[in-house]
Full PDB file with SEQRES, HELIX, SHEET, SSBOND, CRYST1, ORIGX, SCALE, CONECT and MASTER records, all heavy atoms in Angstrom:
SEQRES   1 A   38  ASN GLY LEU VAL SER THR PRO ASP THR THR ALA ALA GLY          
SEQRES   2 A   38  ILE TYR GLN ARG VAL GLY ASN GLY SER LEU PRO ILE ALA          
SEQRES   3 A   38  ILE ASP GLU LEU GLU ALA ALA ALA ASP ASN ARG ARG              
HELIX    1 AA1 ALA A   11  VAL A   18  1                                   8    
SHEET    1 AA1 2 VAL A   4  SER A   5  0                                        
SHEET    2 AA1 2 ILE A  25  ALA A  26  1                                        
CRYST1    1.000    1.000    1.000  90.00  90.00  90.00 P 1           1          
ORIGX1      1.000000  0.000000  0.000000        0.00000                         
ORIGX2      0.000000  1.000000  0.000000        0.00000                         
ORIGX3      0.000000  0.000000  1.000000        0.00000                         
SCALE1      1.000000  0.000000  0.000000        0.00000                         
SCALE2      0.000000  1.000000  0.000000        0.00000                         
SCALE3      0.000000  0.000000  1.000000        0.00000                         
ATOM      1  N   ASN A   1       5.102  -8.769  12.615  1.00  0.00           N  
ATOM      2  CA  ASN A   1       5.702  -7.492  12.201  1.00  0.00           C  
ATOM      3  C   ASN A   1       6.505  -7.615  10.903  1.00  0.00           C  
ATOM      4  O   ASN A   1       7.212  -6.776  10.539  1.00  0.00           O  
ATOM      5  CB  ASN A   1       6.547  -6.907  13.355  1.00  0.00           C  
ATOM      6  CG  ASN A   1       7.686  -7.973  13.793  1.00  0.00           C  
ATOM      7  OD1 ASN A   1       7.754  -9.046  13.268  1.00  0.00           O  
ATOM      8  ND2 ASN A   1       8.446  -7.493  14.677  1.00  0.00           N  
ATOM      9  N   GLY A   2       6.424  -8.831  10.299  1.00  0.00           N  
ATOM     10  CA  GLY A   2       7.112  -9.012   8.947  1.00  0.00           C  
ATOM     11  C   GLY A   2       6.138  -8.690   7.846  1.00  0.00           C  
ATOM     12  O   GLY A   2       6.336  -9.184   6.764  1.00  0.00           O  
ATOM     13  N   LEU A   3       4.991  -8.023   8.076  1.00  0.00           N  
ATOM     14  CA  LEU A   3       4.072  -7.608   7.146  1.00  0.00           C  
ATOM     15  C   LEU A   3       3.836  -6.130   7.177  1.00  0.00           C  
ATOM     16  O   LEU A   3       3.818  -5.445   8.199  1.00  0.00           O  
ATOM     17  CB  LEU A   3       2.703  -8.287   7.472  1.00  0.00           C  
ATOM     18  CG  LEU A   3       1.493  -7.838   6.709  1.00  0.00           C  
ATOM     19  CD1 LEU A   3       1.528  -8.374   5.222  1.00  0.00           C  
ATOM     20  CD2 LEU A   3       0.200  -8.275   7.392  1.00  0.00           C  
ATOM     21  N   VAL A   4       3.654  -5.535   5.981  1.00  0.00           N  
ATOM     22  CA  VAL A   4       3.321  -4.121   5.815  1.00  0.00           C  
ATOM     23  C   VAL A   4       1.912  -4.060   5.576  1.00  0.00           C  
ATOM     24  O   VAL A   4       1.440  -4.351   4.402  1.00  0.00           O  
ATOM     25  CB  VAL A   4       4.124  -3.408   4.679  1.00  0.00           C  
ATOM     26  CG1 VAL A   4       3.657  -1.981   4.607  1.00  0.00           C  
ATOM     27  CG2 VAL A   4       5.587  -3.461   5.076  1.00  0.00           C  
ATOM     28  N   SER A   5       1.074  -3.874   6.616  1.00  0.00           N  
ATOM     29  CA  SER A   5      -0.434  -3.835   6.280  1.00  0.00           C  
ATOM     30  C   SER A   5      -0.799  -2.346   6.515  1.00  0.00           C  
ATOM     31  O   SER A   5      -0.585  -1.697   7.534  1.00  0.00           O  
ATOM     32  CB  SER A   5      -1.114  -4.593   7.535  1.00  0.00           C  
ATOM     33  OG  SER A   5      -2.533  -4.596   7.268  1.00  0.00           O  
ATOM     34  N   THR A   6      -1.334  -1.693   5.486  1.00  0.00           N  
ATOM     35  CA  THR A   6      -1.564  -0.342   5.449  1.00  0.00           C  
ATOM     36  C   THR A   6      -2.916  -0.018   4.780  1.00  0.00           C  
ATOM     37  O   THR A   6      -3.251  -0.568   3.810  1.00  0.00           O  
ATOM     38  CB  THR A   6      -0.468   0.382   4.811  1.00  0.00           C  
ATOM     39  OG1 THR A   6      -0.716   1.724   4.653  1.00  0.00           O  
ATOM     40  CG2 THR A   6      -0.247  -0.160   3.308  1.00  0.00           C  
ATOM     41  N   PRO A   7      -3.665   0.942   5.335  1.00  0.00           N  
ATOM     42  CA  PRO A   7      -4.828   1.482   4.590  1.00  0.00           C  
ATOM     43  C   PRO A   7      -4.473   2.517   3.605  1.00  0.00           C  
ATOM     44  O   PRO A   7      -5.283   3.086   2.881  1.00  0.00           O  
ATOM     45  CB  PRO A   7      -5.625   2.100   5.756  1.00  0.00           C  
ATOM     46  CG  PRO A   7      -4.592   2.548   6.744  1.00  0.00           C  
ATOM     47  CD  PRO A   7      -3.457   1.556   6.624  1.00  0.00           C  
ATOM     48  N   ASP A   8      -3.221   2.950   3.532  1.00  0.00           N  
ATOM     49  CA  ASP A   8      -2.746   3.995   2.701  1.00  0.00           C  
ATOM     50  C   ASP A   8      -2.643   3.437   1.238  1.00  0.00           C  
ATOM     51  O   ASP A   8      -1.799   2.690   0.928  1.00  0.00           O  
ATOM     52  CB  ASP A   8      -1.338   4.469   3.043  1.00  0.00           C  
ATOM     53  CG  ASP A   8      -0.868   5.735   2.285  1.00  0.00           C  
ATOM     54  OD1 ASP A   8      -1.557   6.089   1.364  1.00  0.00           O  
ATOM     55  OD2 ASP A   8       0.129   6.368   2.739  1.00  0.00           O  
ATOM     56  N   THR A   9      -3.541   3.875   0.398  1.00  0.00           N  
ATOM     57  CA  THR A   9      -3.635   3.333  -0.922  1.00  0.00           C  
ATOM     58  C   THR A   9      -2.994   4.253  -1.911  1.00  0.00           C  
ATOM     59  O   THR A   9      -3.464   4.634  -2.911  1.00  0.00           O  
ATOM     60  CB  THR A   9      -5.063   3.059  -1.297  1.00  0.00           C  
ATOM     61  OG1 THR A   9      -5.823   4.276  -1.212  1.00  0.00           O  
ATOM     62  CG2 THR A   9      -5.712   2.032  -0.546  1.00  0.00           C  
ATOM     63  N   THR A  10      -1.781   4.744  -1.516  1.00  0.00           N  
ATOM     64  CA  THR A  10      -1.007   5.568  -2.471  1.00  0.00           C  
ATOM     65  C   THR A  10       0.380   4.849  -2.650  1.00  0.00           C  
ATOM     66  O   THR A  10       0.865   4.284  -1.698  1.00  0.00           O  
ATOM     67  CB  THR A  10      -0.738   7.008  -1.946  1.00  0.00           C  
ATOM     68  OG1 THR A  10       0.044   6.984  -0.730  1.00  0.00           O  
ATOM     69  CG2 THR A  10      -2.036   7.718  -1.613  1.00  0.00           C  
ATOM     70  N   ALA A  11       0.924   4.889  -3.897  1.00  0.00           N  
ATOM     71  CA  ALA A  11       2.125   4.188  -4.177  1.00  0.00           C  
ATOM     72  C   ALA A  11       3.256   4.938  -3.318  1.00  0.00           C  
ATOM     73  O   ALA A  11       4.113   4.275  -2.871  1.00  0.00           O  
ATOM     74  CB  ALA A  11       2.484   4.322  -5.644  1.00  0.00           C  
ATOM     75  N   ALA A  12       3.241   6.233  -3.093  1.00  0.00           N  
ATOM     76  CA  ALA A  12       4.186   6.931  -2.389  1.00  0.00           C  
ATOM     77  C   ALA A  12       4.269   6.395  -0.963  1.00  0.00           C  
ATOM     78  O   ALA A  12       5.287   6.169  -0.340  1.00  0.00           O  
ATOM     79  CB  ALA A  12       4.023   8.470  -2.407  1.00  0.00           C  
ATOM     80  N   GLY A  13       3.024   6.292  -0.315  1.00  0.00           N  
ATOM     81  CA  GLY A  13       2.963   5.824   1.018  1.00  0.00           C  
ATOM     82  C   GLY A  13       3.507   4.500   1.264  1.00  0.00           C  
ATOM     83  O   GLY A  13       4.073   4.110   2.205  1.00  0.00           O  
ATOM     84  N   ILE A  14       3.225   3.581   0.188  1.00  0.00           N  
ATOM     85  CA  ILE A  14       3.807   2.217   0.290  1.00  0.00           C  
ATOM     86  C   ILE A  14       5.243   2.124   0.184  1.00  0.00           C  
ATOM     87  O   ILE A  14       5.808   1.548   1.056  1.00  0.00           O  
ATOM     88  CB  ILE A  14       3.089   1.370  -0.740  1.00  0.00           C  
ATOM     89  CG1 ILE A  14       1.617   1.241  -0.479  1.00  0.00           C  
ATOM     90  CG2 ILE A  14       3.752  -0.022  -0.862  1.00  0.00           C  
ATOM     91  CD1 ILE A  14       0.798   0.577  -1.609  1.00  0.00           C  
ATOM     92  N   TYR A  15       5.857   2.850  -0.829  1.00  0.00           N  
ATOM     93  CA  TYR A  15       7.293   2.659  -0.936  1.00  0.00           C  
ATOM     94  C   TYR A  15       7.982   3.350   0.185  1.00  0.00           C  
ATOM     95  O   TYR A  15       9.171   3.104   0.591  1.00  0.00           O  
ATOM     96  CB  TYR A  15       7.846   2.943  -2.279  1.00  0.00           C  
ATOM     97  CG  TYR A  15       7.633   4.372  -2.938  1.00  0.00           C  
ATOM     98  CD1 TYR A  15       8.091   5.474  -2.265  1.00  0.00           C  
ATOM     99  CD2 TYR A  15       6.919   4.437  -4.118  1.00  0.00           C  
ATOM    100  CE1 TYR A  15       7.813   6.752  -2.952  1.00  0.00           C  
ATOM    101  CE2 TYR A  15       6.760   5.669  -4.714  1.00  0.00           C  
ATOM    102  CZ  TYR A  15       7.262   6.821  -4.020  1.00  0.00           C  
ATOM    103  OH  TYR A  15       6.945   8.082  -4.687  1.00  0.00           O  
ATOM    104  N   GLN A  16       7.445   4.356   0.848  1.00  0.00           N  
ATOM    105  CA  GLN A  16       8.008   4.963   2.049  1.00  0.00           C  
ATOM    106  C   GLN A  16       8.030   4.018   3.188  1.00  0.00           C  
ATOM    107  O   GLN A  16       8.995   4.005   4.074  1.00  0.00           O  
ATOM    108  CB  GLN A  16       7.311   6.253   2.460  1.00  0.00           C  
ATOM    109  CG  GLN A  16       7.584   7.384   1.433  1.00  0.00           C  
ATOM    110  CD  GLN A  16       6.780   8.567   1.760  1.00  0.00           C  
ATOM    111  OE1 GLN A  16       5.899   8.612   2.620  1.00  0.00           O  
ATOM    112  NE2 GLN A  16       6.801   9.590   0.902  1.00  0.00           N  
ATOM    113  N   ARG A  17       7.024   3.188   3.273  1.00  0.00           N  
ATOM    114  CA  ARG A  17       7.011   2.143   4.367  1.00  0.00           C  
ATOM    115  C   ARG A  17       7.965   1.039   4.059  1.00  0.00           C  
ATOM    116  O   ARG A  17       8.616   0.461   5.034  1.00  0.00           O  
ATOM    117  CB  ARG A  17       5.526   1.596   4.506  1.00  0.00           C  
ATOM    118  CG  ARG A  17       4.574   2.535   5.065  1.00  0.00           C  
ATOM    119  CD  ARG A  17       4.689   2.649   6.612  1.00  0.00           C  
ATOM    120  NE  ARG A  17       4.673   1.280   7.240  1.00  0.00           N  
ATOM    121  CZ  ARG A  17       3.518   0.625   7.656  1.00  0.00           C  
ATOM    122  NH1 ARG A  17       2.327   1.224   7.261  1.00  0.00           N  
ATOM    123  NH2 ARG A  17       3.604  -0.539   8.204  1.00  0.00           N  
ATOM    124  N   VAL A  18       8.065   0.570   2.818  1.00  0.00           N  
ATOM    125  CA  VAL A  18       8.723  -0.662   2.454  1.00  0.00           C  
ATOM    126  C   VAL A  18      10.272  -0.325   2.304  1.00  0.00           C  
ATOM    127  O   VAL A  18      11.117  -1.150   2.728  1.00  0.00           O  
ATOM    128  CB  VAL A  18       8.298  -1.268   1.175  1.00  0.00           C  
ATOM    129  CG1 VAL A  18       9.140  -2.500   0.850  1.00  0.00           C  
ATOM    130  CG2 VAL A  18       6.755  -1.735   1.374  1.00  0.00           C  
ATOM    131  N   GLY A  19      10.558   0.924   1.745  1.00  0.00           N  
ATOM    132  CA  GLY A  19      11.914   1.271   1.543  1.00  0.00           C  
ATOM    133  C   GLY A  19      12.618   0.271   0.591  1.00  0.00           C  
ATOM    134  O   GLY A  19      12.103  -0.173  -0.400  1.00  0.00           O  
ATOM    135  N   ASN A  20      13.758  -0.141   1.070  1.00  0.00           N  
ATOM    136  CA  ASN A  20      14.595  -1.083   0.249  1.00  0.00           C  
ATOM    137  C   ASN A  20      14.369  -2.543   0.751  1.00  0.00           C  
ATOM    138  O   ASN A  20      15.257  -3.366   0.513  1.00  0.00           O  
ATOM    139  CB  ASN A  20      16.070  -0.726   0.298  1.00  0.00           C  
ATOM    140  CG  ASN A  20      16.574  -0.388   1.661  1.00  0.00           C  
ATOM    141  OD1 ASN A  20      16.104  -0.974   2.715  1.00  0.00           O  
ATOM    142  ND2 ASN A  20      17.373   0.579   1.825  1.00  0.00           N  
ATOM    143  N   GLY A  21      13.205  -2.773   1.424  1.00  0.00           N  
ATOM    144  CA  GLY A  21      13.052  -4.155   1.850  1.00  0.00           C  
ATOM    145  C   GLY A  21      12.138  -4.984   0.869  1.00  0.00           C  
ATOM    146  O   GLY A  21      11.812  -4.444  -0.118  1.00  0.00           O  
ATOM    147  N   SER A  22      11.771  -6.118   1.261  1.00  0.00           N  
ATOM    148  CA  SER A  22      11.012  -7.086   0.446  1.00  0.00           C  
ATOM    149  C   SER A  22       9.848  -7.716   1.177  1.00  0.00           C  
ATOM    150  O   SER A  22       9.356  -8.749   0.894  1.00  0.00           O  
ATOM    151  CB  SER A  22      11.782  -8.143  -0.132  1.00  0.00           C  
ATOM    152  OG  SER A  22      12.295  -8.987   0.812  1.00  0.00           O  
ATOM    153  N   LEU A  23       9.401  -6.926   2.253  1.00  0.00           N  
ATOM    154  CA  LEU A  23       8.282  -7.514   3.055  1.00  0.00           C  
ATOM    155  C   LEU A  23       7.003  -7.434   2.227  1.00  0.00           C  
ATOM    156  O   LEU A  23       6.801  -6.624   1.463  1.00  0.00           O  
ATOM    157  CB  LEU A  23       8.129  -6.588   4.362  1.00  0.00           C  
ATOM    158  CG  LEU A  23       9.357  -6.663   5.371  1.00  0.00           C  
ATOM    159  CD1 LEU A  23       8.966  -5.806   6.628  1.00  0.00           C  
ATOM    160  CD2 LEU A  23       9.624  -8.027   5.845  1.00  0.00           C  
ATOM    161  N   PRO A  24       6.082  -8.435   2.644  1.00  0.00           N  
ATOM    162  CA  PRO A  24       4.837  -8.534   1.892  1.00  0.00           C  
ATOM    163  C   PRO A  24       3.963  -7.331   2.298  1.00  0.00           C  
ATOM    164  O   PRO A  24       4.145  -6.737   3.399  1.00  0.00           O  
ATOM    165  CB  PRO A  24       4.247  -9.830   2.372  1.00  0.00           C  
ATOM    166  CG  PRO A  24       4.844 -10.069   3.730  1.00  0.00           C  
ATOM    167  CD  PRO A  24       6.282  -9.564   3.583  1.00  0.00           C  
ATOM    168  N   ILE A  25       3.061  -6.911   1.439  1.00  0.00           N  
ATOM    169  CA  ILE A  25       2.190  -5.771   1.592  1.00  0.00           C  
ATOM    170  C   ILE A  25       0.672  -6.209   1.492  1.00  0.00           C  
ATOM    171  O   ILE A  25       0.330  -6.874   0.510  1.00  0.00           O  
ATOM    172  CB  ILE A  25       2.428  -4.746   0.569  1.00  0.00           C  
ATOM    173  CG1 ILE A  25       3.935  -4.303   0.633  1.00  0.00           C  
ATOM    174  CG2 ILE A  25       1.555  -3.520   0.672  1.00  0.00           C  
ATOM    175  CD1 ILE A  25       4.439  -3.462  -0.451  1.00  0.00           C  
ATOM    176  N   ALA A  26      -0.025  -5.962   2.501  1.00  0.00           N  
ATOM    177  CA  ALA A  26      -1.515  -6.269   2.499  1.00  0.00           C  
ATOM    178  C   ALA A  26      -2.334  -5.019   2.577  1.00  0.00           C  
ATOM    179  O   ALA A  26      -2.080  -4.129   3.389  1.00  0.00           O  
ATOM    180  CB  ALA A  26      -1.869  -7.170   3.741  1.00  0.00           C  
ATOM    181  N   ILE A  27      -3.310  -4.782   1.539  1.00  0.00           N  
ATOM    182  CA  ILE A  27      -4.110  -3.631   1.520  1.00  0.00           C  
ATOM    183  C   ILE A  27      -5.477  -4.035   1.384  1.00  0.00           C  
ATOM    184  O   ILE A  27      -5.958  -4.740   0.377  1.00  0.00           O  
ATOM    185  CB  ILE A  27      -3.761  -2.768   0.220  1.00  0.00           C  
ATOM    186  CG1 ILE A  27      -2.257  -2.437   0.314  1.00  0.00           C  
ATOM    187  CG2 ILE A  27      -4.659  -1.642   0.176  1.00  0.00           C  
ATOM    188  CD1 ILE A  27      -1.779  -1.615  -0.897  1.00  0.00           C  
ATOM    189  N   ASP A  28      -6.322  -3.772   2.370  1.00  0.00           N  
ATOM    190  CA  ASP A  28      -7.732  -4.046   2.415  1.00  0.00           C  
ATOM    191  C   ASP A  28      -8.519  -2.979   1.813  1.00  0.00           C  
ATOM    192  O   ASP A  28      -8.070  -1.760   1.841  1.00  0.00           O  
ATOM    193  CB  ASP A  28      -8.172  -4.309   3.935  1.00  0.00           C  
ATOM    194  CG  ASP A  28      -9.465  -4.952   3.968  1.00  0.00           C  
ATOM    195  OD1 ASP A  28     -10.011  -5.482   2.959  1.00  0.00           O  
ATOM    196  OD2 ASP A  28     -10.027  -5.124   5.080  1.00  0.00           O  
ATOM    197  N   GLU A  29      -9.597  -3.335   1.157  1.00  0.00           N  
ATOM    198  CA  GLU A  29     -10.531  -2.230   0.680  1.00  0.00           C  
ATOM    199  C   GLU A  29      -9.895  -1.478  -0.469  1.00  0.00           C  
ATOM    200  O   GLU A  29      -9.982  -0.269  -0.490  1.00  0.00           O  
ATOM    201  CB  GLU A  29     -11.107  -1.367   1.694  1.00  0.00           C  
ATOM    202  CG  GLU A  29     -11.941  -2.205   2.730  1.00  0.00           C  
ATOM    203  CD  GLU A  29     -12.533  -1.352   3.785  1.00  0.00           C  
ATOM    204  OE1 GLU A  29     -12.341  -0.118   3.742  1.00  0.00           O  
ATOM    205  OE2 GLU A  29     -13.266  -1.864   4.673  1.00  0.00           O  
ATOM    206  N   LEU A  30      -9.219  -2.132  -1.380  1.00  0.00           N  
ATOM    207  CA  LEU A  30      -8.715  -1.443  -2.557  1.00  0.00           C  
ATOM    208  C   LEU A  30      -9.741  -1.385  -3.623  1.00  0.00           C  
ATOM    209  O   LEU A  30      -9.884  -2.050  -4.587  1.00  0.00           O  
ATOM    210  CB  LEU A  30      -7.427  -2.089  -3.118  1.00  0.00           C  
ATOM    211  CG  LEU A  30      -6.708  -1.321  -4.223  1.00  0.00           C  
ATOM    212  CD1 LEU A  30      -5.901  -0.190  -3.601  1.00  0.00           C  
ATOM    213  CD2 LEU A  30      -5.778  -2.205  -5.028  1.00  0.00           C  
ATOM    214  N   GLU A  31     -10.712  -0.397  -3.367  1.00  0.00           N  
ATOM    215  CA  GLU A  31     -11.939  -0.343  -4.060  1.00  0.00           C  
ATOM    216  C   GLU A  31     -11.900   0.538  -5.318  1.00  0.00           C  
ATOM    217  O   GLU A  31     -11.125   1.546  -5.469  1.00  0.00           O  
ATOM    218  CB  GLU A  31     -13.152   0.202  -3.165  1.00  0.00           C  
ATOM    219  CG  GLU A  31     -13.319  -0.635  -1.889  1.00  0.00           C  
ATOM    220  CD  GLU A  31     -14.046  -2.010  -2.200  1.00  0.00           C  
ATOM    221  OE1 GLU A  31     -14.620  -2.072  -3.329  1.00  0.00           O  
ATOM    222  OE2 GLU A  31     -13.953  -2.866  -1.312  1.00  0.00           O  
ATOM    223  N   ALA A  32     -12.730   0.169  -6.395  1.00  0.00           N  
ATOM    224  CA  ALA A  32     -12.792   1.048  -7.564  1.00  0.00           C  
ATOM    225  C   ALA A  32     -13.484   2.311  -7.160  1.00  0.00           C  
ATOM    226  O   ALA A  32     -14.369   2.412  -6.264  1.00  0.00           O  
ATOM    227  CB  ALA A  32     -13.727   0.334  -8.554  1.00  0.00           C  
ATOM    228  N   ALA A  33     -13.142   3.365  -7.844  1.00  0.00           N  
ATOM    229  CA  ALA A  33     -13.769   4.716  -7.584  1.00  0.00           C  
ATOM    230  C   ALA A  33     -13.976   5.489  -8.957  1.00  0.00           C  
ATOM    231  O   ALA A  33     -13.615   4.995  -9.982  1.00  0.00           O  
ATOM    232  CB  ALA A  33     -12.825   5.557  -6.696  1.00  0.00           C  
ATOM    233  N   ALA A  34     -14.551   6.550  -8.839  1.00  0.00           N  
ATOM    234  CA  ALA A  34     -14.916   7.355 -10.011  1.00  0.00           C  
ATOM    235  C   ALA A  34     -13.541   7.747 -10.744  1.00  0.00           C  
ATOM    236  O   ALA A  34     -13.406   7.755 -11.933  1.00  0.00           O  
ATOM    237  CB  ALA A  34     -15.654   8.634  -9.671  1.00  0.00           C  
ATOM    238  N   ASP A  35     -12.541   8.093  -9.844  1.00  0.00           N  
ATOM    239  CA  ASP A  35     -11.208   8.387 -10.322  1.00  0.00           C  
ATOM    240  C   ASP A  35     -10.227   7.300  -9.819  1.00  0.00           C  
ATOM    241  O   ASP A  35      -9.895   7.244  -8.586  1.00  0.00           O  
ATOM    242  CB  ASP A  35     -10.788   9.838  -9.926  1.00  0.00           C  
ATOM    243  CG  ASP A  35      -9.481  10.232 -10.497  1.00  0.00           C  
ATOM    244  OD1 ASP A  35      -8.694   9.343 -11.096  1.00  0.00           O  
ATOM    245  OD2 ASP A  35      -9.095  11.446 -10.350  1.00  0.00           O  
ATOM    246  N   ASN A  36      -9.739   6.431 -10.621  1.00  0.00           N  
ATOM    247  CA  ASN A  36      -8.832   5.355 -10.157  1.00  0.00           C  
ATOM    248  C   ASN A  36      -7.399   5.588 -10.323  1.00  0.00           C  
ATOM    249  O   ASN A  36      -6.629   4.683 -10.174  1.00  0.00           O  
ATOM    250  CB  ASN A  36      -9.281   4.091 -10.951  1.00  0.00           C  
ATOM    251  CG  ASN A  36     -10.553   3.510 -10.557  1.00  0.00           C  
ATOM    252  OD1 ASN A  36     -10.852   3.243  -9.374  1.00  0.00           O  
ATOM    253  ND2 ASN A  36     -11.462   3.306 -11.517  1.00  0.00           N  
ATOM    254  N   ARG A  37      -6.998   6.845 -10.523  1.00  0.00           N  
ATOM    255  CA  ARG A  37      -5.571   7.086 -10.731  1.00  0.00           C  
ATOM    256  C   ARG A  37      -4.742   6.676  -9.603  1.00  0.00           C  
ATOM    257  O   ARG A  37      -3.629   6.080  -9.740  1.00  0.00           O  
ATOM    258  CB  ARG A  37      -5.357   8.518 -11.157  1.00  0.00           C  
ATOM    259  CG  ARG A  37      -5.751   8.871 -12.524  1.00  0.00           C  
ATOM    260  CD  ARG A  37      -5.619  10.394 -12.785  1.00  0.00           C  
ATOM    261  NE  ARG A  37      -6.494  11.211 -12.091  1.00  0.00           N  
ATOM    262  CZ  ARG A  37      -6.628  12.506 -12.168  1.00  0.00           C  
ATOM    263  NH1 ARG A  37      -5.750  13.176 -13.002  1.00  0.00           N  
ATOM    264  NH2 ARG A  37      -7.470  13.167 -11.550  1.00  0.00           N  
ATOM    265  N   ARG A  38      -5.206   6.999  -8.329  1.00  0.00           N  
ATOM    266  CA  ARG A  38      -4.363   6.656  -7.164  1.00  0.00           C  
ATOM    267  C   ARG A  38      -4.327   5.181  -7.019  1.00  0.00           C  
ATOM    268  O   ARG A  38      -3.208   4.597  -6.749  1.00  0.00           O  
ATOM    269  CB  ARG A  38      -4.981   7.307  -5.931  1.00  0.00           C  
ATOM    270  CG  ARG A  38      -4.143   7.151  -4.708  1.00  0.00           C  
ATOM    271  CD  ARG A  38      -4.703   7.936  -3.538  1.00  0.00           C  
ATOM    272  NE  ARG A  38      -5.946   7.325  -3.041  1.00  0.00           N  
ATOM    273  CZ  ARG A  38      -6.645   7.783  -1.978  1.00  0.00           C  
ATOM    274  NH1 ARG A  38      -6.089   8.773  -1.273  1.00  0.00           N  
ATOM    275  NH2 ARG A  38      -7.750   7.250  -1.654  1.00  0.00           N  
TER     276      ARG A  38                                                      
MASTER        0    0    0    1    2    0    0    6  275    1    0    3          
END                                                                             
């Protein structure tokens, strides 16, 4: 539980989970898409 493992590939979703902590973040399937802005 010292890991932030999330399928949410948005920056907003990540910093809402991490907050002011420094826990590691694991994101599976960060795939290229037609629109890569997110």
